[in-house]
């Protein structure tokens, strides 16, 4: 039926991306690195949505719509996170997580 790339390849790629993102999230000390790790996790979820949609329901577009929604949410999340990171840098002159230890309003 489908002569393309097998589903297992997509799942392996998405799993590797997900766990690299988790590892980066847990080990990074830089806020920009943490943000990039979260984006990597969200992109691995998008690969899963698209792969399962392609192999289970090739005539429907639910996986595509979910992926577009996740991309829109990720873009908004990245914009807010970068604004917060800029304000943290202005306040503390660093984006290192260990040096940011107080919150004020």
N, C-alpha and C. Protein backbone atom coordinates (compact mmCIF):
# COMPACT_ATOMS: atom_id res chain seq x y z
N UNK A 1 0.82 -1.19 0.00
CA UNK A 1 0.00 0.00 0.00
C UNK A 1 0.86 1.25 0.00
N UNK A 2 1.83 1.33 0.91
CA UNK A 2 2.68 2.51 1.00
C UNK A 2 4.12 2.08 0.76
N UNK A 3 4.74 2.60 -0.28
CA UNK A 3 6.10 2.23 -0.62
C UNK A 3 7.13 3.22 -0.09
N UNK A 4 6.73 4.10 0.80
CA UNK A 4 7.62 5.12 1.33
C UNK A 4 8.46 4.62 2.49
N UNK A 5 8.84 5.53 3.33
CA UNK A 5 9.65 5.22 4.50
C UNK A 5 8.79 4.50 5.54
N UNK A 6 9.30 3.44 6.15
CA UNK A 6 8.50 2.72 7.17
C UNK A 6 8.23 3.59 8.40
N UNK A 7 7.14 3.29 9.06
CA UNK A 7 6.72 4.04 10.24
C UNK A 7 7.76 3.97 11.35
N UNK A 8 8.45 2.85 11.48
CA UNK A 8 9.44 2.69 12.55
C UNK A 8 10.55 3.73 12.46
N UNK A 9 10.94 4.13 11.27
CA UNK A 9 11.99 5.13 11.11
C UNK A 9 11.55 6.48 11.67
N UNK A 10 10.32 6.83 11.42
CA UNK A 10 9.80 8.08 11.97
C UNK A 10 9.73 8.02 13.49
N UNK A 11 9.30 6.88 14.02
CA UNK A 11 9.20 6.74 15.46
C UNK A 11 10.57 6.77 16.13
N UNK A 12 11.55 6.16 15.50
CA UNK A 12 12.91 6.19 16.05
C UNK A 12 13.45 7.61 16.05
N UNK A 13 13.28 8.31 14.94
CA UNK A 13 13.73 9.70 14.85
C UNK A 13 13.05 10.57 15.90
N UNK A 14 11.74 10.43 16.04
CA UNK A 14 11.01 11.24 17.01
C UNK A 14 11.42 10.89 18.44
N UNK A 15 11.67 9.62 18.72
CA UNK A 15 12.12 9.23 20.06
C UNK A 15 13.48 9.81 20.38
N UNK A 16 14.40 9.75 19.42
CA UNK A 16 15.73 10.32 19.63
C UNK A 16 15.63 11.82 19.88
N UNK A 17 14.83 12.50 19.07
CA UNK A 17 14.66 13.95 19.25
C UNK A 17 14.04 14.26 20.62
N UNK A 18 13.06 13.47 21.02
CA UNK A 18 12.39 13.70 22.30
C UNK A 18 13.36 13.54 23.47
N UNK A 19 14.13 12.47 23.47
CA UNK A 19 15.03 12.24 24.59
C UNK A 19 16.24 13.18 24.58
N UNK A 20 16.68 13.61 23.41
CA UNK A 20 17.72 14.65 23.36
C UNK A 20 17.16 15.95 23.93
N UNK A 21 15.91 16.26 23.63
CA UNK A 21 15.27 17.44 24.20
C UNK A 21 15.12 17.35 25.71
N UNK A 22 14.72 16.19 26.21
CA UNK A 22 14.61 15.99 27.66
C UNK A 22 15.98 16.13 28.32
N UNK A 23 16.99 15.52 27.72
CA UNK A 23 18.35 15.61 28.26
C UNK A 23 18.82 17.07 28.28
N UNK A 24 18.59 17.78 27.20
CA UNK A 24 18.98 19.19 27.14
C UNK A 24 18.24 20.03 28.15
N UNK A 25 16.95 19.73 28.35
CA UNK A 25 16.16 20.49 29.30
C UNK A 25 16.67 20.29 30.73
N UNK A 26 17.05 19.07 31.04
CA UNK A 26 17.49 18.77 32.40
C UNK A 26 18.93 19.17 32.68
N UNK A 27 19.78 19.25 31.67
CA UNK A 27 21.19 19.51 31.91
C UNK A 27 21.64 20.92 31.56
N UNK A 28 20.90 21.66 30.78
CA UNK A 28 21.32 23.01 30.38
C UNK A 28 21.17 23.97 31.55
N UNK A 29 22.06 24.93 31.60
CA UNK A 29 21.99 25.99 32.59
C UNK A 29 21.64 27.33 31.95
N UNK A 30 21.63 27.37 30.64
CA UNK A 30 21.34 28.58 29.90
C UNK A 30 19.86 28.58 29.51
N UNK A 31 19.18 29.69 29.71
CA UNK A 31 17.74 29.75 29.41
C UNK A 31 17.46 29.56 27.92
N UNK A 32 18.33 30.04 27.06
CA UNK A 32 18.14 29.85 25.62
C UNK A 32 18.27 28.37 25.26
N UNK A 33 19.20 27.67 25.86
CA UNK A 33 19.35 26.24 25.63
C UNK A 33 18.14 25.44 26.10
N UNK A 34 17.57 25.86 27.22
CA UNK A 34 16.36 25.20 27.73
C UNK A 34 15.20 25.43 26.77
N UNK A 35 15.08 26.65 26.26
CA UNK A 35 14.02 26.96 25.30
C UNK A 35 14.19 26.14 24.02
N UNK A 36 15.41 25.99 23.55
CA UNK A 36 15.65 25.17 22.36
C UNK A 36 15.32 23.71 22.61
N UNK A 37 15.56 23.22 23.82
CA UNK A 37 15.23 21.84 24.16
C UNK A 37 13.72 21.62 24.16
N UNK A 38 12.98 22.59 24.66
CA UNK A 38 11.51 22.48 24.65
C UNK A 38 11.00 22.47 23.21
N UNK A 39 11.58 23.29 22.36
CA UNK A 39 11.18 23.31 20.95
C UNK A 39 11.50 21.96 20.28
N UNK A 40 12.60 21.36 20.65
CA UNK A 40 12.96 20.04 20.11
C UNK A 40 11.94 18.99 20.52
N UNK A 41 11.48 19.06 21.76
CA UNK A 41 10.46 18.13 22.24
C UNK A 41 9.16 18.32 21.47
N UNK A 42 8.76 19.56 21.27
CA UNK A 42 7.52 19.83 20.54
C UNK A 42 7.61 19.37 19.08
N UNK A 43 8.78 19.52 18.46
CA UNK A 43 8.94 19.06 17.08
C UNK A 43 8.92 17.54 16.99
N UNK A 44 9.40 16.85 18.01
CA UNK A 44 9.31 15.38 17.98
C UNK A 44 7.85 14.92 18.07
N UNK A 45 7.05 15.65 18.82
CA UNK A 45 5.62 15.33 18.89
C UNK A 45 4.96 15.57 17.53
N UNK A 46 5.36 16.63 16.85
CA UNK A 46 4.83 16.90 15.51
C UNK A 46 5.16 15.78 14.54
N UNK A 47 6.36 15.26 14.60
CA UNK A 47 6.73 14.13 13.73
C UNK A 47 5.84 12.94 14.01
N UNK A 48 5.55 12.67 15.27
CA UNK A 48 4.66 11.55 15.61
C UNK A 48 3.26 11.77 15.06
N UNK A 49 2.72 12.97 15.24
CA UNK A 49 1.38 13.25 14.72
C UNK A 49 1.32 13.04 13.20
N UNK A 50 2.30 13.56 12.50
CA UNK A 50 2.29 13.44 11.04
C UNK A 50 2.51 12.01 10.57
N UNK A 51 3.41 11.29 11.24
CA UNK A 51 3.68 9.91 10.83
C UNK A 51 2.47 9.02 11.07
N UNK A 52 1.87 9.13 12.24
CA UNK A 52 0.70 8.29 12.52
C UNK A 52 -0.47 8.66 11.62
N UNK A 53 -0.64 9.94 11.34
CA UNK A 53 -1.70 10.34 10.43
C UNK A 53 -1.48 9.76 9.04
N UNK A 54 -0.25 9.79 8.58
CA UNK A 54 0.07 9.29 7.23
C UNK A 54 -0.16 7.79 7.12
N UNK A 55 0.19 7.04 8.16
CA UNK A 55 0.10 5.59 8.08
C UNK A 55 -1.24 5.04 8.52
N UNK A 56 -1.97 5.72 9.39
CA UNK A 56 -3.26 5.21 9.83
C UNK A 56 -4.43 5.76 9.02
N UNK A 57 -4.38 7.05 8.72
CA UNK A 57 -5.46 7.70 7.98
C UNK A 57 -4.87 8.57 6.88
N UNK A 58 -4.40 7.97 5.79
CA UNK A 58 -3.74 8.78 4.75
C UNK A 58 -4.66 9.75 4.03
N UNK A 59 -5.97 9.55 4.10
CA UNK A 59 -6.88 10.43 3.39
C UNK A 59 -7.41 11.57 4.27
N UNK A 60 -7.04 11.59 5.54
CA UNK A 60 -7.48 12.63 6.46
C UNK A 60 -6.32 13.55 6.82
N UNK A 61 -6.65 14.69 7.42
CA UNK A 61 -5.63 15.69 7.73
C UNK A 61 -5.59 16.06 9.21
N UNK A 62 -6.07 15.19 10.10
CA UNK A 62 -6.08 15.54 11.52
C UNK A 62 -4.68 15.74 12.07
N UNK A 63 -3.73 14.89 11.69
CA UNK A 63 -2.36 15.02 12.17
C UNK A 63 -1.74 16.33 11.72
N UNK A 64 -2.04 16.73 10.50
CA UNK A 64 -1.53 18.01 9.99
C UNK A 64 -2.10 19.18 10.79
N UNK A 65 -3.38 19.14 11.08
CA UNK A 65 -3.99 20.23 11.82
C UNK A 65 -3.47 20.31 13.25
N UNK A 66 -3.28 19.15 13.90
CA UNK A 66 -2.69 19.14 15.23
C UNK A 66 -1.27 19.70 15.19
N UNK A 67 -0.51 19.34 14.18
CA UNK A 67 0.86 19.84 14.06
C UNK A 67 0.89 21.34 13.83
N UNK A 68 0.00 21.85 13.00
CA UNK A 68 -0.07 23.29 12.79
C UNK A 68 -0.45 24.03 14.08
N UNK A 69 -1.36 23.44 14.84
CA UNK A 69 -1.75 24.04 16.12
C UNK A 69 -0.56 24.05 17.08
N UNK A 70 0.19 22.96 17.14
CA UNK A 70 1.36 22.90 18.03
C UNK A 70 2.42 23.89 17.59
N UNK A 71 2.62 24.06 16.29
CA UNK A 71 3.59 25.03 15.80
C UNK A 71 3.17 26.44 16.18
N UNK A 72 1.88 26.75 16.08
CA UNK A 72 1.40 28.08 16.46
C UNK A 72 1.58 28.32 17.95
N UNK A 73 1.27 27.33 18.77
CA UNK A 73 1.45 27.46 20.22
C UNK A 73 2.93 27.59 20.55
N UNK A 74 3.79 26.83 19.87
CA UNK A 74 5.23 26.90 20.11
C UNK A 74 5.79 28.26 19.72
N UNK A 75 5.28 28.84 18.65
CA UNK A 75 5.75 30.17 18.25
C UNK A 75 5.35 31.21 19.29
N UNK A 76 4.13 31.13 19.79
CA UNK A 76 3.70 32.06 20.83
C UNK A 76 4.50 31.85 22.11
N UNK A 77 4.74 30.60 22.45
CA UNK A 77 5.53 30.28 23.64
C UNK A 77 6.95 30.79 23.51
N UNK A 78 7.54 30.65 22.33
CA UNK A 78 8.90 31.13 22.11
C UNK A 78 8.97 32.65 22.20
N UNK A 79 7.98 33.34 21.67
CA UNK A 79 7.97 34.81 21.74
C UNK A 79 7.87 35.28 23.18
N UNK A 80 6.99 34.68 23.96
CA UNK A 80 6.85 35.06 25.38
C UNK A 80 8.12 34.70 26.15
N UNK A 81 8.68 33.53 25.88
CA UNK A 81 9.89 33.10 26.59
C UNK A 81 11.08 34.01 26.26
N UNK A 82 11.22 34.40 25.01
CA UNK A 82 12.32 35.30 24.65
C UNK A 82 12.13 36.66 25.30
N UNK A 83 10.90 37.15 25.39
CA UNK A 83 10.65 38.42 26.09
C UNK A 83 11.02 38.30 27.57
N UNK A 84 10.69 37.20 28.18
CA UNK A 84 11.04 36.99 29.59
C UNK A 84 12.55 36.89 29.74
N UNK A 85 13.21 36.19 28.83
CA UNK A 85 14.67 36.04 28.90
C UNK A 85 15.35 37.40 28.73
N UNK A 86 14.84 38.24 27.85
CA UNK A 86 15.41 39.58 27.66
C UNK A 86 15.27 40.40 28.95
N UNK A 87 14.11 40.31 29.59
CA UNK A 87 13.91 41.04 30.85
C UNK A 87 14.81 40.49 31.95
N UNK A 88 15.01 39.19 31.99
CA UNK A 88 15.92 38.61 32.98
C UNK A 88 17.34 39.07 32.72
N UNK A 89 17.73 39.13 31.46
CA UNK A 89 19.08 39.60 31.14
C UNK A 89 19.27 41.07 31.53
N UNK A 90 18.26 41.87 31.32
CA UNK A 90 18.35 43.28 31.71
C UNK A 90 18.47 43.43 33.22
N UNK A 91 17.78 42.59 33.95
CA UNK A 91 17.77 42.69 35.42
C UNK A 91 19.03 42.11 36.04
N UNK A 92 19.48 40.93 35.57
CA UNK A 92 20.57 40.22 36.21
C UNK A 92 21.87 40.19 35.39
N UNK A 93 21.85 40.67 34.16
CA UNK A 93 23.00 40.65 33.24
C UNK A 93 23.51 39.24 32.96
N UNK A 94 22.66 38.26 33.04
CA UNK A 94 23.01 36.89 32.72
C UNK A 94 21.74 36.12 32.36
N UNK A 95 21.92 35.04 31.59
CA UNK A 95 20.79 34.16 31.30
C UNK A 95 21.05 32.77 31.87
N UNK A 96 21.98 32.70 32.80
CA UNK A 96 22.29 31.44 33.48
C UNK A 96 21.23 31.19 34.55
N UNK A 97 20.67 30.00 34.57
CA UNK A 97 19.57 29.67 35.47
C UNK A 97 20.02 29.74 36.93
N UNK A 98 21.25 29.36 37.21
CA UNK A 98 21.72 29.33 38.59
C UNK A 98 21.90 30.73 39.18
N UNK A 99 22.11 31.73 38.36
CA UNK A 99 22.31 33.09 38.87
C UNK A 99 21.02 33.87 39.03
N UNK A 100 19.94 33.34 38.50
CA UNK A 100 18.64 34.00 38.63
C UNK A 100 17.92 33.32 39.78
N UNK A 101 18.00 33.94 40.97
CA UNK A 101 17.45 33.27 42.14
C UNK A 101 16.40 34.08 42.89
N UNK A 102 15.98 35.19 42.34
CA UNK A 102 14.94 35.97 43.00
C UNK A 102 13.95 36.48 41.96
N UNK A 103 12.71 36.60 42.41
CA UNK A 103 11.66 37.10 41.51
C UNK A 103 11.00 38.29 42.20
N UNK A 104 10.87 39.36 41.45
CA UNK A 104 10.18 40.55 41.93
C UNK A 104 9.20 41.02 40.88
N UNK A 105 8.21 41.77 41.31
CA UNK A 105 7.26 42.32 40.35
C UNK A 105 7.37 43.81 40.26
